[in-house]
Amino acid sequence: MIMNGRHTTYIFLLVAAIPFLASTLISPAFAEKGFPINAKSSCISSSCHSNFSRTKKYRHEVADDERSCAMLCHQLVAEGRHEFKAMPADISELCLQCHDAPDLKNAKPVDPAPMKLHKPVAEGKCIACHAPHSVDTYRLLHRNYPEELYASYSQKTYELCLSCHKGMQKALAEPRTLTSTEFRNGNLNLHYRHVNKMKGRTCRACHRHHGSPNPKLIANTFTLGAKTIRMKYEKTGTGGSCATACHIPVKYDRCEPEENMILTTPREGSDAAGDALKRACGKNQ
């Protein structure tokens, strides 16, 4: 039989497609929705997900358990089938089955004032910050974040926070600024003075990651070793005040700098001139 060029091309394409078609038709995953599984077997100890959790430093307890993953988070639609209920748009519905924290659930807030939530928490996007299964970073976080109250500053140390709060890169790196942060006394950058040092205070010293009754997610307390330290923060239109065990009560103001009798390390840079402060505050000279 004599074949022309067109027939030869068709035969070549058919032969090339045989391996793909065979694997597709043979595989139960392609053949039908929810291929058969042994519902009594562990997801992570089976041949399917054997390396999913075991190789990481930090593992979500549920994902590391023999069968909890298929009962609490990935709920089976039918016994013995690899078919699960769709994840809710608000993933916190699942998280709050176990993580019943006041600053998450707002069930019993420490302060009677309305709770203000971190945006990912308010949107139910817990996995924006936390890995649901396993990871090598602290608290199952997707990126680096300090484990202790004090830490030496570097952008890599605060990789998690800076991945969203990109404007804070300057706020944590510049000793003086009139634009990068509102937490300043005149042009003295108070974010920089708290964080950017060998023994800097990490975000958790002042802020609550999930929610707080205070503006800017400012905390009412923080933990230092076995002690719980109380904080009192008040916000004003151009600044605020803070009273804590770390230092005497102090005030700050972006437009009219406060004088605080407090022993501190030398201040880098120079105070801004009065006209520069007025411009930054939107005031006429």
Protein backbone atom coordinates (compact mmCIF):
# COMPACT_ATOMS: atom_id res chain seq x y z
CA MET A 1 0.00 0.00 0.00
CA ILE A 2 1.33 3.40 -0.91
CA MET A 3 0.75 6.26 1.57
CA ASN A 4 1.09 9.91 0.74
CA GLY A 5 2.70 12.49 3.06
CA ARG A 6 -0.59 13.38 4.76
CA HIS A 7 -1.28 9.76 5.82
CA THR A 8 2.28 9.41 7.11
CA THR A 9 1.81 12.52 9.29
CA TYR A 10 -1.47 11.19 10.78
CA ILE A 11 0.11 7.84 11.64
CA PHE A 12 3.11 9.56 13.26
CA LEU A 13 0.86 11.74 15.44
CA LEU A 14 -1.25 8.74 16.48
CA VAL A 15 1.82 6.73 17.50
CA ALA A 16 3.20 9.70 19.46
CA ALA A 17 -0.09 10.09 21.32
CA ILE A 18 -0.41 6.42 22.39
CA PRO A 19 1.61 6.76 25.68
CA PHE A 20 -0.46 9.75 26.83
CA LEU A 21 -3.78 8.16 25.89
CA ALA A 22 -2.86 4.91 27.59
CA SER A 23 -1.89 6.57 30.87
CA THR A 24 -5.04 8.69 30.78
CA LEU A 25 -7.38 5.76 30.16
CA ILE A 26 -5.70 3.44 32.62
CA SER A 27 -5.42 5.91 35.51
CA PRO A 28 -8.51 5.77 37.78
CA ALA A 29 -8.08 9.50 38.48
CA PHE A 30 -8.86 10.25 34.82
CA ALA A 31 -11.34 7.44 34.37
CA GLU A 32 -13.78 8.58 37.04
CA LYS A 33 -14.28 11.26 39.65
CA GLY A 34 -12.98 10.20 43.05
CA PHE A 35 -10.88 7.12 42.42
CA PRO A 36 -11.00 4.31 45.03
CA ILE A 37 -8.87 4.67 48.18
CA ASN A 38 -8.47 2.79 51.42
CA ALA A 39 -10.34 5.08 53.78
CA LYS A 40 -8.75 3.37 56.79
CA SER A 41 -5.23 4.19 55.64
CA SER A 42 -3.33 7.33 56.60
CA CYS A 43 -2.97 9.92 53.84
CA ILE A 44 0.64 10.68 54.78
CA SER A 45 1.81 7.12 55.43
CA SER A 46 0.35 5.78 52.20
CA SER A 47 2.23 5.79 48.93
CA CYS A 48 0.33 8.89 47.80
CA HIS A 49 1.42 11.55 50.31
CA SER A 50 4.25 9.77 52.10
CA ASN A 51 6.64 12.74 52.07
CA PHE A 52 4.08 15.46 52.53
CA SER A 53 4.59 16.27 56.21
CA ARG A 54 7.42 14.16 57.49
CA THR A 55 10.26 16.07 55.84
CA LYS A 56 9.48 19.51 57.30
CA LYS A 57 10.59 21.02 60.62
CA TYR A 58 7.13 22.26 61.60
CA ARG A 59 4.05 20.17 60.89
CA HIS A 60 0.42 20.99 61.42
CA GLU A 61 -0.77 18.49 64.02
CA VAL A 62 -3.90 17.66 62.06
CA ALA A 63 -1.98 17.03 58.84
CA ASP A 64 0.50 14.87 60.74
CA ASP A 65 -2.18 12.71 62.34
CA GLU A 66 -3.13 9.33 60.92
CA ARG A 67 -6.67 10.18 59.86
CA SER A 68 -7.54 13.69 61.11
CA CYS A 69 -6.78 15.28 57.75
CA ALA A 70 -9.67 13.36 56.18
CA MET A 71 -12.06 14.00 59.07
CA LEU A 72 -11.47 17.62 60.08
CA CYS A 73 -10.13 19.48 57.05
CA HIS A 74 -10.48 17.38 53.89
CA GLN A 75 -13.81 15.74 54.60
CA LEU A 76 -14.70 12.73 52.48
CA VAL A 77 -17.86 12.92 50.41
CA ALA A 78 -18.10 9.13 50.16
CA GLU A 79 -16.26 6.48 52.16
CA GLY A 80 -13.56 4.80 50.15
CA ARG A 81 -13.44 7.44 47.42
CA HIS A 82 -10.80 10.13 46.88
CA GLU A 83 -13.49 12.77 46.75
CA PHE A 84 -13.75 15.63 49.26
CA LYS A 85 -16.01 18.51 50.11
CA ALA A 86 -14.95 21.82 48.60
CA MET A 87 -12.96 24.07 50.91
CA PRO A 88 -15.06 27.01 52.19
CA ALA A 89 -14.26 30.46 50.81
CA ASP A 90 -13.74 31.54 54.42
CA ILE A 91 -11.13 29.01 55.48
CA SER A 92 -11.28 30.24 59.08
CA GLU A 93 -14.47 28.17 59.46
CA LEU A 94 -12.21 25.12 59.47
CA CYS A 95 -9.40 26.66 61.49
CA LEU A 96 -11.72 27.75 64.30
CA GLN A 97 -12.82 24.17 64.90
CA CYS A 98 -9.55 23.81 66.81
CA HIS A 99 -7.98 27.25 67.14
CA ASP A 100 -10.46 28.87 69.51
CA ALA A 101 -8.40 31.99 70.31
CA PRO A 102 -10.16 35.18 71.50
CA ASP A 103 -8.34 37.39 69.02
CA LEU A 104 -9.42 35.06 66.20
CA LYS A 105 -12.98 34.21 67.09
CA ASN A 106 -13.78 37.43 68.95
CA ALA A 107 -15.83 35.31 71.36
CA LYS A 108 -14.38 36.74 74.58
CA PRO A 109 -12.22 39.77 73.76
CA VAL A 110 -9.97 41.02 76.55
CA ASP A 111 -11.29 44.53 76.01
CA PRO A 112 -15.02 45.26 75.59
CA ALA A 113 -14.28 47.58 72.67
CA PRO A 114 -15.09 46.18 69.21
CA MET A 115 -12.36 43.94 67.86
CA LYS A 116 -10.33 45.18 64.89
CA LEU A 117 -9.05 42.30 62.78
CA HIS A 118 -5.94 41.93 60.67
CA LYS A 119 -7.15 42.03 57.05
CA PRO A 120 -6.34 38.36 56.19
CA VAL A 121 -8.20 37.26 59.32
CA ALA A 122 -11.19 39.47 58.57
CA GLU A 123 -11.36 37.92 55.09
CA GLY A 124 -10.99 34.37 56.43
CA LYS A 125 -7.67 33.90 54.62
CA CYS A 126 -5.64 32.19 57.33
CA ILE A 127 -3.54 30.43 54.70
CA ALA A 128 -2.32 33.81 53.42
CA CYS A 129 0.12 33.67 56.34
CA HIS A 130 0.06 30.04 57.52
CA ALA A 131 0.85 26.87 55.59
CA PRO A 132 -1.93 24.34 56.27
CA HIS A 133 0.27 21.24 56.18
CA SER A 134 3.99 21.57 56.87
CA VAL A 135 6.82 24.02 56.40
CA ASP A 136 10.28 24.82 57.75
CA THR A 137 9.36 28.19 59.25
CA TYR A 138 8.06 29.05 62.72
CA ARG A 139 4.31 28.77 63.45
CA LEU A 140 3.74 27.22 60.01
CA LEU A 141 4.26 30.67 58.48
CA HIS A 142 4.96 30.90 54.78
CA ARG A 143 7.99 33.16 55.28
CA ASN A 144 10.45 34.14 57.98
CA TYR A 145 9.26 35.85 61.15
CA PRO A 146 11.13 36.17 64.50
CA GLU A 147 10.36 33.49 67.07
CA GLU A 148 11.32 35.60 70.10
CA LEU A 149 10.31 38.98 71.51
CA TYR A 150 13.73 40.42 70.60
CA ALA A 151 15.60 39.95 67.33
CA SER A 152 18.40 41.56 65.35
CA TYR A 153 16.91 43.44 62.43
CA SER A 154 17.16 42.44 58.80
CA GLN A 155 14.64 42.46 55.97
CA LYS A 156 14.90 38.68 55.77
CA THR A 157 13.98 38.41 59.47
CA TYR A 158 10.67 40.17 58.74
CA GLU A 159 10.13 38.56 55.35
CA LEU A 160 6.55 37.55 56.18
CA CYS A 161 5.34 41.01 57.23
CA LEU A 162 7.19 42.82 54.45
CA SER A 163 5.73 40.54 51.78
CA CYS A 164 2.44 42.45 52.25
CA HIS A 165 3.44 45.62 54.12
CA LYS A 166 5.94 46.64 51.47
CA GLY A 167 5.90 50.27 52.54
CA MET A 168 7.32 49.20 55.90
CA GLN A 169 10.69 48.39 54.34
CA LYS A 170 11.58 52.08 54.47
CA ALA A 171 9.88 52.57 57.82
CA LEU A 172 12.13 49.95 59.39
CA ALA A 173 15.30 51.10 57.64
CA GLU A 174 15.31 54.92 57.88
CA PRO A 175 16.18 56.63 61.20
CA ARG A 176 14.49 59.85 60.04
CA THR A 177 11.47 60.27 57.79
CA LEU A 178 8.54 62.57 57.10
CA THR A 179 6.60 60.11 54.95
CA SER A 180 7.39 56.41 55.56
CA THR A 181 5.46 55.98 58.80
CA GLU A 182 3.00 57.83 61.00
CA PHE A 183 4.72 56.44 64.09
CA ARG A 184 7.20 59.28 64.44
CA ASN A 185 7.97 62.19 66.73
CA GLY A 186 8.57 65.02 64.31
CA ASN A 187 10.80 63.26 61.80
CA LEU A 188 12.24 60.81 64.35
CA ASN A 189 11.21 57.38 63.08
CA LEU A 190 9.94 55.43 66.10
CA HIS A 191 9.45 52.21 64.13
CA TYR A 192 13.16 52.30 63.32
CA ARG A 193 14.11 53.02 66.94
CA HIS A 194 12.08 50.09 68.24
CA VAL A 195 13.02 47.49 65.65
CA ASN A 196 16.27 48.32 63.89
CA LYS A 197 18.93 47.36 66.42
CA MET A 198 20.85 44.33 67.65
CA LYS A 199 18.15 43.66 70.25
CA GLY A 200 15.17 45.08 68.43
CA ARG A 201 11.60 44.60 69.56
CA THR A 202 9.76 42.37 67.15
CA CYS A 203 6.27 43.20 65.85
CA ARG A 204 4.62 41.05 68.52
CA ALA A 205 5.91 43.37 71.27
CA CYS A 206 3.40 46.02 70.21
CA HIS A 207 0.96 44.47 67.74
CA ARG A 208 -1.50 41.57 67.78
CA HIS A 209 -1.23 39.51 64.61
CA HIS A 210 -4.86 38.45 64.43
CA GLY A 211 -6.88 41.20 66.06
CA SER A 212 -7.03 43.84 68.77
CA PRO A 213 -9.57 46.32 70.17
CA ASN A 214 -6.97 49.08 69.65
CA PRO A 215 -6.07 51.12 66.54
CA LYS A 216 -3.28 49.69 64.37
CA LEU A 217 -3.76 46.30 66.11
CA ILE A 218 -1.84 47.65 69.13
CA ALA A 219 -1.73 45.09 71.94
CA ASN A 220 -3.01 45.50 75.48
CA THR A 221 -0.37 43.08 76.78
CA PHE A 222 2.72 41.21 75.67
CA THR A 223 4.61 38.26 77.10
CA LEU A 224 8.16 38.54 78.39
CA GLY A 225 9.35 35.14 79.59
CA ALA A 226 6.80 33.98 82.15
CA LYS A 227 5.47 37.50 82.74
CA THR A 228 2.55 39.25 81.10
CA ILE A 229 3.29 42.95 80.65
CA ARG A 230 0.41 45.40 80.29
CA MET A 231 0.42 48.26 77.78
CA LYS A 232 -1.75 51.34 77.51
CA TYR A 233 -1.83 53.03 74.12
CA GLU A 234 -3.84 56.08 73.12
CA LYS A 235 -4.01 57.47 69.59
CA THR A 236 -4.40 61.16 68.78
CA GLY A 237 -4.95 62.92 65.47
CA THR A 238 -1.23 63.53 64.92
CA GLY A 239 0.42 61.03 67.25
CA GLY A 240 -0.28 59.20 70.47
CA SER A 241 1.02 58.02 73.82
CA CYS A 242 2.28 54.74 75.21
CA ALA A 243 2.69 53.55 78.79
CA THR A 244 4.39 50.22 79.38
CA ALA A 245 6.90 48.51 81.65
CA CYS A 246 9.52 49.00 78.91
CA HIS A 247 9.76 52.73 79.58
CA ILE A 248 8.04 55.61 81.34
CA PRO A 249 4.86 56.98 79.73
CA VAL A 250 5.84 58.80 76.55
CA LYS A 251 4.09 60.85 73.88
CA TYR A 252 4.83 61.44 70.23
CA ASP A 253 3.53 63.92 67.70
CA ARG A 254 4.33 64.18 63.99
CA CYS A 255 3.58 67.90 63.74
CA GLU A 256 4.70 69.27 67.10
CA PRO A 257 7.38 66.91 68.51
CA GLU A 258 7.04 65.98 72.16
CA GLU A 259 9.88 66.25 74.67
CA ASN A 260 10.11 63.03 76.69
CA MET A 261 12.47 62.71 79.63
CA ILE A 262 13.58 59.23 78.69
CA LEU A 263 17.04 57.68 78.52
CA THR A 264 17.62 56.41 74.99
CA THR A 265 20.42 55.58 72.61
CA PRO A 266 21.81 58.49 70.51
CA ARG A 267 19.43 59.74 67.85
CA GLU A 268 20.73 59.36 64.31
CA GLY A 269 20.27 62.25 61.91
CA SER A 270 18.91 65.72 62.55
CA ASP A 271 15.54 67.07 63.62
CA ALA A 272 13.46 68.40 60.76
CA ALA A 273 13.06 72.15 60.45
CA GLY A 274 9.73 73.66 61.45
CA ASP A 275 8.68 74.49 57.90
CA ALA A 276 9.37 70.89 56.79
CA LEU A 277 7.17 69.57 59.60
CA LYS A 278 4.39 71.98 58.62
CA ARG A 279 4.53 70.82 55.00
CA ALA A 280 4.48 67.17 56.06
CA CYS A 281 1.44 67.84 58.24
CA GLY A 282 -0.32 69.80 55.49
CA LYS A 283 -0.12 73.10 57.35
CA ASN A 284 0.65 76.48 55.84
CA GLN A 285 3.87 78.19 56.86
